[in-house]
PDB file of N, CA and C in Angstrom:
ATOM      1  N   MET A   1      -5.202 -26.173  12.380  1.00  0.00           N
ATOM      2  CA  MET A   1      -5.924 -26.426  11.152  1.00  0.00           C
ATOM      3  C   MET A   1      -6.462 -25.122  10.571  1.00  0.00           C
ATOM      4  N   TYR A   2      -6.964 -24.260  11.433  1.00  0.00           N
ATOM      5  CA  TYR A   2      -7.562 -23.001  10.979  1.00  0.00           C
ATOM      6  C   TYR A   2      -6.524 -22.112  10.301  1.00  0.00           C
ATOM      7  N   LYS A   3      -5.301 -22.100  10.817  1.00  0.00           N
ATOM      8  CA  LYS A   3      -4.280 -21.245  10.218  1.00  0.00           C
ATOM      9  C   LYS A   3      -3.895 -21.726   8.824  1.00  0.00           C
ATOM     10  N   TYR A   4      -3.987 -23.029   8.548  1.00  0.00           N
ATOM     11  CA  TYR A   4      -3.694 -23.548   7.222  1.00  0.00           C
ATOM     12  C   TYR A   4      -4.774 -23.166   6.222  1.00  0.00           C
ATOM     13  N   VAL A   5      -6.006 -23.214   6.668  1.00  0.00           N
ATOM     14  CA  VAL A   5      -7.127 -22.820   5.810  1.00  0.00           C
ATOM     15  C   VAL A   5      -7.030 -21.331   5.497  1.00  0.00           C
ATOM     16  N   LEU A   6      -6.709 -20.537   6.501  1.00  0.00           N
ATOM     17  CA  LEU A   6      -6.562 -19.092   6.302  1.00  0.00           C
ATOM     18  C   LEU A   6      -5.403 -18.786   5.356  1.00  0.00           C
ATOM     19  N   ALA A   7      -4.291 -19.472   5.517  1.00  0.00           N
ATOM     20  CA  ALA A   7      -3.141 -19.257   4.641  1.00  0.00           C
ATOM     21  C   ALA A   7      -3.470 -19.639   3.197  1.00  0.00           C
ATOM     22  N   ALA A   8      -4.163 -20.753   3.008  1.00  0.00           N
ATOM     23  CA  ALA A   8      -4.559 -21.183   1.662  1.00  0.00           C
ATOM     24  C   ALA A   8      -5.522 -20.183   1.035  1.00  0.00           C
ATOM     25  N   ALA A   9      -6.456 -19.652   1.820  1.00  0.00           N
ATOM     26  CA  ALA A   9      -7.408 -18.670   1.304  1.00  0.00           C
ATOM     27  C   ALA A   9      -6.702 -17.384   0.894  1.00  0.00           C
ATOM     28  N   LEU A  10      -5.708 -16.968   1.649  1.00  0.00           N
ATOM     29  CA  LEU A  10      -4.959 -15.766   1.294  1.00  0.00           C
ATOM     30  C   LEU A  10      -4.153 -15.962   0.006  1.00  0.00           C
ATOM     31  N   ILE A  11      -3.570 -17.123  -0.153  1.00  0.00           N
ATOM     32  CA  ILE A  11      -2.793 -17.399  -1.360  1.00  0.00           C
ATOM     33  C   ILE A  11      -3.702 -17.436  -2.587  1.00  0.00           C
ATOM     34  N   VAL A  12      -4.815 -18.124  -2.482  1.00  0.00           N
ATOM     35  CA  VAL A  12      -5.757 -18.205  -3.601  1.00  0.00           C
ATOM     36  C   VAL A  12      -6.344 -16.830  -3.894  1.00  0.00           C
ATOM     37  N   GLY A  13      -6.682 -16.085  -2.865  1.00  0.00           N
ATOM     38  CA  GLY A  13      -7.264 -14.755  -3.050  1.00  0.00           C
ATOM     39  C   GLY A  13      -6.308 -13.778  -3.705  1.00  0.00           C
ATOM     40  N   SER A  14      -5.037 -13.885  -3.413  1.00  0.00           N
ATOM     41  CA  SER A  14      -4.070 -12.978  -4.031  1.00  0.00           C
ATOM     42  C   SER A  14      -3.732 -13.390  -5.457  1.00  0.00           C
ATOM     43  N   ALA A  15      -3.954 -14.646  -5.811  1.00  0.00           N
ATOM     44  CA  ALA A  15      -3.651 -15.114  -7.161  1.00  0.00           C
ATOM     45  C   ALA A  15      -4.803 -14.901  -8.124  1.00  0.00           C
ATOM     46  N   LEU A  16      -6.012 -14.688  -7.658  1.00  0.00           N
ATOM     47  CA  LEU A  16      -7.166 -14.537  -8.536  1.00  0.00           C
ATOM     48  C   LEU A  16      -7.059 -13.353  -9.491  1.00  0.00           C
ATOM     49  N   PRO A  17      -6.570 -12.185  -9.089  1.00  0.00           N
ATOM     50  CA  PRO A  17      -6.458 -11.100 -10.070  1.00  0.00           C
ATOM     51  C   PRO A  17      -5.551 -11.428 -11.255  1.00  0.00           C
ATOM     52  N   ALA A  18      -4.630 -12.349 -11.086  1.00  0.00           N
ATOM     53  CA  ALA A  18      -3.760 -12.744 -12.190  1.00  0.00           C
ATOM     54  C   ALA A  18      -4.536 -13.496 -13.263  1.00  0.00           C
ATOM     55  N   PHE A  19      -5.649 -14.099 -12.914  1.00  0.00           N
ATOM     56  CA  PHE A  19      -6.447 -14.848 -13.871  1.00  0.00           C
ATOM     57  C   PHE A  19      -7.535 -14.007 -14.521  1.00  0.00           C
ATOM     58  N   ALA A  20      -7.704 -12.770 -14.074  1.00  0.00           N
ATOM     59  CA  ALA A  20      -8.721 -11.901 -14.646  1.00  0.00           C
ATOM     60  C   ALA A  20      -8.320 -11.529 -16.070  1.00  0.00           C
ATOM     61  N   GLU A  21      -9.301 -11.508 -16.947  1.00  0.00           N
ATOM     62  CA  GLU A  21      -9.028 -11.162 -18.327  1.00  0.00           C
ATOM     63  C   GLU A  21      -8.939  -9.656 -18.488  1.00  0.00           C
ATOM     64  N   SER A  22      -8.106  -9.240 -19.377  1.00  0.00           N
ATOM     65  CA  SER A  22      -8.039  -7.838 -19.757  1.00  0.00           C
ATOM     66  C   SER A  22      -7.912  -7.796 -21.278  1.00  0.00           C
ATOM     67  N   PHE A  23      -8.426  -6.738 -21.873  1.00  0.00           N
ATOM     68  CA  PHE A  23      -8.465  -6.621 -23.319  1.00  0.00           C
ATOM     69  C   PHE A  23      -7.760  -5.351 -23.755  1.00  0.00           C
ATOM     70  N   TYR A  24      -7.205  -5.392 -24.950  1.00  0.00           N
ATOM     71  CA  TYR A  24      -6.469  -4.273 -25.517  1.00  0.00           C
ATOM     72  C   TYR A  24      -6.955  -4.044 -26.942  1.00  0.00           C
ATOM     73  N   ILE A  25      -6.955  -2.792 -27.383  1.00  0.00           N
ATOM     74  CA  ILE A  25      -7.247  -2.469 -28.778  1.00  0.00           C
ATOM     75  C   ILE A  25      -5.907  -2.216 -29.447  1.00  0.00           C
ATOM     76  N   VAL A  26      -5.643  -2.949 -30.511  1.00  0.00           N
ATOM     77  CA  VAL A  26      -4.387  -2.797 -31.240  1.00  0.00           C
ATOM     78  C   VAL A  26      -4.679  -2.528 -32.709  1.00  0.00           C
ATOM     79  N   ARG A  27      -3.737  -1.842 -33.354  1.00  0.00           N
ATOM     80  CA  ARG A  27      -3.825  -1.577 -34.795  1.00  0.00           C
ATOM     81  C   ARG A  27      -2.624  -2.235 -35.435  1.00  0.00           C
ATOM     82  N   GLY A  28      -2.902  -3.113 -36.389  1.00  0.00           N
ATOM     83  CA  GLY A  28      -1.842  -3.859 -37.057  1.00  0.00           C
ATOM     84  C   GLY A  28      -1.234  -3.087 -38.208  1.00  0.00           C
ATOM     85  N   PRO A  29      -0.304  -3.720 -38.911  1.00  0.00           N
ATOM     86  CA  PRO A  29       0.359  -3.048 -40.031  1.00  0.00           C
ATOM     87  C   PRO A  29      -0.586  -2.737 -41.187  1.00  0.00           C
ATOM     88  N   ASP A  30      -1.709  -3.438 -41.262  1.00  0.00           N
ATOM     89  CA  ASP A  30      -2.691  -3.175 -42.320  1.00  0.00           C
ATOM     90  C   ASP A  30      -3.684  -2.080 -41.928  1.00  0.00           C
ATOM     91  N   LYS A  31      -3.415  -1.394 -40.799  1.00  0.00           N
ATOM     92  CA  LYS A  31      -4.207  -0.266 -40.280  1.00  0.00           C
ATOM     93  C   LYS A  31      -5.604  -0.675 -39.822  1.00  0.00           C
ATOM     94  N   LYS A  32      -5.841  -1.964 -39.586  1.00  0.00           N
ATOM     95  CA  LYS A  32      -7.120  -2.430 -39.048  1.00  0.00           C
ATOM     96  C   LYS A  32      -6.985  -2.620 -37.546  1.00  0.00           C
ATOM     97  N   CYS A  33      -8.041  -2.256 -36.829  1.00  0.00           N
ATOM     98  CA  CYS A  33      -8.050  -2.417 -35.377  1.00  0.00           C
ATOM     99  C   CYS A  33      -8.674  -3.753 -35.008  1.00  0.00           C
ATOM    100  N   MET A  34      -8.205  -4.303 -33.905  1.00  0.00           N
ATOM    101  CA  MET A  34      -8.808  -5.524 -33.366  1.00  0.00           C
ATOM    102  C   MET A  34      -8.610  -5.540 -31.860  1.00  0.00           C
ATOM    103  N   ILE A  35      -9.438  -6.330 -31.199  1.00  0.00           N
ATOM    104  CA  ILE A  35      -9.375  -6.471 -29.750  1.00  0.00           C
ATOM    105  C   ILE A  35      -8.671  -7.786 -29.443  1.00  0.00           C
ATOM    106  N   VAL A  36      -7.652  -7.706 -28.597  1.00  0.00           N
ATOM    107  CA  VAL A  36      -6.889  -8.893 -28.219  1.00  0.00           C
ATOM    108  C   VAL A  36      -6.858  -9.007 -26.702  1.00  0.00           C
ATOM    109  N   ASP A  37      -6.600 -10.199 -26.211  1.00  0.00           N
ATOM    110  CA  ASP A  37      -6.538 -10.398 -24.761  1.00  0.00           C
ATOM    111  C   ASP A  37      -5.109 -10.584 -24.258  1.00  0.00           C
ATOM    112  N   VAL A  38      -4.137 -10.376 -25.135  1.00  0.00           N
ATOM    113  CA  VAL A  38      -2.722 -10.444 -24.762  1.00  0.00           C
ATOM    114  C   VAL A  38      -2.096  -9.094 -25.106  1.00  0.00           C
ATOM    115  N   ALA A  39      -1.421  -8.501 -24.145  1.00  0.00           N
ATOM    116  CA  ALA A  39      -0.800  -7.196 -24.379  1.00  0.00           C
ATOM    117  C   ALA A  39       0.306  -7.324 -25.415  1.00  0.00           C
ATOM    118  N   PRO A  40       0.357  -6.390 -26.365  1.00  0.00           N
ATOM    119  CA  PRO A  40       1.447  -6.447 -27.336  1.00  0.00           C
ATOM    120  C   PRO A  40       2.787  -6.179 -26.649  1.00  0.00           C
ATOM    121  N   GLY A  41       3.794  -6.883 -27.067  1.00  0.00           N
ATOM    122  CA  GLY A  41       5.116  -6.751 -26.449  1.00  0.00           C
ATOM    123  C   GLY A  41       5.799  -5.450 -26.823  1.00  0.00           C
ATOM    124  N   ALA A  42       6.794  -5.088 -26.051  1.00  0.00           N
ATOM    125  CA  ALA A  42       7.536  -3.852 -26.290  1.00  0.00           C
ATOM    126  C   ALA A  42       8.370  -3.943 -27.561  1.00  0.00           C
ATOM    127  N   THR A  43       8.694  -5.146 -27.997  1.00  0.00           N
ATOM    128  CA  THR A  43       9.514  -5.311 -29.190  1.00  0.00           C
ATOM    129  C   THR A  43       8.694  -5.387 -30.468  1.00  0.00           C
ATOM    130  N   GLU A  44       7.374  -5.404 -30.328  1.00  0.00           N
ATOM    131  CA  GLU A  44       6.499  -5.449 -31.506  1.00  0.00           C
ATOM    132  C   GLU A  44       6.512  -4.089 -32.186  1.00  0.00           C
ATOM    133  N   THR A  45       7.031  -4.016 -33.399  1.00  0.00           N
ATOM    134  CA  THR A  45       7.074  -2.742 -34.110  1.00  0.00           C
ATOM    135  C   THR A  45       5.943  -2.604 -35.116  1.00  0.00           C
ATOM    136  N   THR A  46       5.251  -3.696 -35.416  1.00  0.00           N
ATOM    137  CA  THR A  46       4.181  -3.640 -36.407  1.00  0.00           C
ATOM    138  C   THR A  46       2.809  -3.490 -35.779  1.00  0.00           C
ATOM    139  N   VAL A  47       2.711  -3.572 -34.460  1.00  0.00           N
ATOM    140  CA  VAL A  47       1.426  -3.486 -33.761  1.00  0.00           C
ATOM    141  C   VAL A  47       1.468  -2.294 -32.825  1.00  0.00           C
ATOM    142  N   THR A  48       0.420  -1.463 -32.887  1.00  0.00           N
ATOM    143  CA  THR A  48       0.336  -0.286 -32.040  1.00  0.00           C
ATOM    144  C   THR A  48      -0.878  -0.399 -31.145  1.00  0.00           C
ATOM    145  N   ARG A  49      -0.705  -0.155 -29.873  1.00  0.00           N
ATOM    146  CA  ARG A  49      -1.833  -0.161 -28.937  1.00  0.00           C
ATOM    147  C   ARG A  49      -2.527   1.191 -29.027  1.00  0.00           C
ATOM    148  N   VAL A  50      -3.849   1.179 -29.172  1.00  0.00           N
ATOM    149  CA  VAL A  50      -4.634   2.412 -29.239  1.00  0.00           C
ATOM    150  C   VAL A  50      -5.702   2.373 -28.159  1.00  0.00           C
ATOM    151  N   GLY A  51      -6.263   3.507 -27.830  1.00  0.00           N
ATOM    152  CA  GLY A  51      -7.280   3.559 -26.792  1.00  0.00           C
ATOM    153  C   GLY A  51      -6.650   3.585 -25.413  1.00  0.00           C
ATOM    154  N   LYS A  52      -7.453   3.227 -24.408  1.00  0.00           N
ATOM    155  CA  LYS A  52      -6.943   3.167 -23.043  1.00  0.00           C
ATOM    156  C   LYS A  52      -5.902   2.063 -22.927  1.00  0.00           C
ATOM    157  N   ASN A  53      -5.208   2.063 -21.820  1.00  0.00           N
ATOM    158  CA  ASN A  53      -4.164   1.072 -21.602  1.00  0.00           C
ATOM    159  C   ASN A  53      -4.732  -0.345 -21.604  1.00  0.00           C
ATOM    160  N   LEU A  54      -5.826  -0.568 -20.853  1.00  0.00           N
ATOM    161  CA  LEU A  54      -6.469  -1.870 -20.867  1.00  0.00           C
ATOM    162  C   LEU A  54      -7.938  -1.727 -20.538  1.00  0.00           C
ATOM    163  N   TYR A  55      -8.717  -2.703 -20.967  1.00  0.00           N
ATOM    164  CA  TYR A  55     -10.158  -2.725 -20.741  1.00  0.00           C
ATOM    165  C   TYR A  55     -10.498  -3.968 -19.926  1.00  0.00           C
ATOM    166  N   VAL A  56     -11.381  -3.810 -18.971  1.00  0.00           N
ATOM    167  CA  VAL A  56     -11.745  -4.916 -18.097  1.00  0.00           C
ATOM    168  C   VAL A  56     -12.706  -5.867 -18.798  1.00  0.00           C
ATOM    169  N   THR A  57     -13.636  -5.323 -19.592  1.00  0.00           N
ATOM    170  CA  THR A  57     -14.600  -6.168 -20.296  1.00  0.00           C
ATOM    171  C   THR A  57     -14.451  -5.987 -21.797  1.00  0.00           C
ATOM    172  N   ARG A  58     -14.841  -6.990 -22.532  1.00  0.00           N
ATOM    173  CA  ARG A  58     -14.792  -6.912 -23.993  1.00  0.00           C
ATOM    174  C   ARG A  58     -15.800  -5.890 -24.514  1.00  0.00           C
ATOM    175  N   GLU A  59     -16.945  -5.763 -23.842  1.00  0.00           N
ATOM    176  CA  GLU A  59     -17.964  -4.800 -24.260  1.00  0.00           C
ATOM    177  C   GLU A  59     -17.430  -3.373 -24.177  1.00  0.00           C
ATOM    178  N   GLU A  60     -16.665  -3.082 -23.121  1.00  0.00           N
ATOM    179  CA  GLU A  60     -16.061  -1.763 -22.970  1.00  0.00           C
ATOM    180  C   GLU A  60     -15.065  -1.507 -24.106  1.00  0.00           C
ATOM    181  N   ALA A  61     -14.284  -2.510 -24.459  1.00  0.00           N
ATOM    182  CA  ALA A  61     -13.320  -2.386 -25.561  1.00  0.00           C
ATOM    183  C   ALA A  61     -14.043  -2.202 -26.894  1.00  0.00           C
ATOM    184  N   ASP A  62     -15.144  -2.940 -27.108  1.00  0.00           N
ATOM    185  CA  ASP A  62     -15.931  -2.788 -28.334  1.00  0.00           C
ATOM    186  C   ASP A  62     -16.470  -1.374 -28.485  1.00  0.00           C
ATOM    187  N   ALA A  63     -17.000  -0.819 -27.398  1.00  0.00           N
ATOM    188  CA  ALA A  63     -17.572   0.520 -27.437  1.00  0.00           C
ATOM    189  C   ALA A  63     -16.494   1.558 -27.730  1.00  0.00           C
ATOM    190  N   ASP A  64     -15.316   1.423 -27.134  1.00  0.00           N
ATOM    191  CA  ASP A  64     -14.259   2.384 -27.361  1.00  0.00           C
ATOM    192  C   ASP A  64     -13.614   2.207 -28.728  1.00  0.00           C
ATOM    193  N   MET A  65     -13.618   0.988 -29.256  1.00  0.00           N
ATOM    194  CA  MET A  65     -13.039   0.752 -30.562  1.00  0.00           C
ATOM    195  C   MET A  65     -13.828   1.496 -31.646  1.00  0.00           C
ATOM    196  N   ALA A  66     -15.135   1.598 -31.462  1.00  0.00           N
ATOM    197  CA  ALA A  66     -15.951   2.329 -32.424  1.00  0.00           C
ATOM    198  C   ALA A  66     -15.576   3.809 -32.464  1.00  0.00           C
ATOM    199  N   VAL A  67     -15.021   4.316 -31.368  1.00  0.00           N
ATOM    200  CA  VAL A  67     -14.649   5.731 -31.296  1.00  0.00           C
ATOM    201  C   VAL A  67     -13.219   5.964 -31.782  1.00  0.00           C
ATOM    202  N   VAL A  68     -12.271   5.158 -31.330  1.00  0.00           N
ATOM    203  CA  VAL A  68     -10.860   5.419 -31.631  1.00  0.00           C
ATOM    204  C   VAL A  68     -10.412   4.851 -32.977  1.00  0.00           C
ATOM    205  N   CYS A  69     -11.153   3.938 -33.556  1.00  0.00           N
ATOM    206  CA  CYS A  69     -10.760   3.324 -34.828  1.00  0.00           C
ATOM    207  C   CYS A  69     -11.789   3.644 -35.912  1.00  0.00           C
ATOM    208  N   LYS A  70     -11.925   4.895 -36.203  1.00  0.00           N
ATOM    209  CA  LYS A  70     -12.894   5.303 -37.227  1.00  0.00           C
ATOM    210  C   LYS A  70     -12.361   5.055 -38.615  1.00  0.00           C
TER     211      LYS A  70
END
């Protein structure tokens, strides 16, 4: 019984980072910046990612957006 509980805990523990939110600063074709929680795709030609690659919190993205999107 203990090995099943341990196996379930390992599976759940390894899947939790996949549910963590991450934020991105993108600039659209109208040259306005916005914060999104979905990474822009490689085929998107009208959206450009600016700033760091990804932000862990929205507050961190907000603070950096004030700097990179003047």
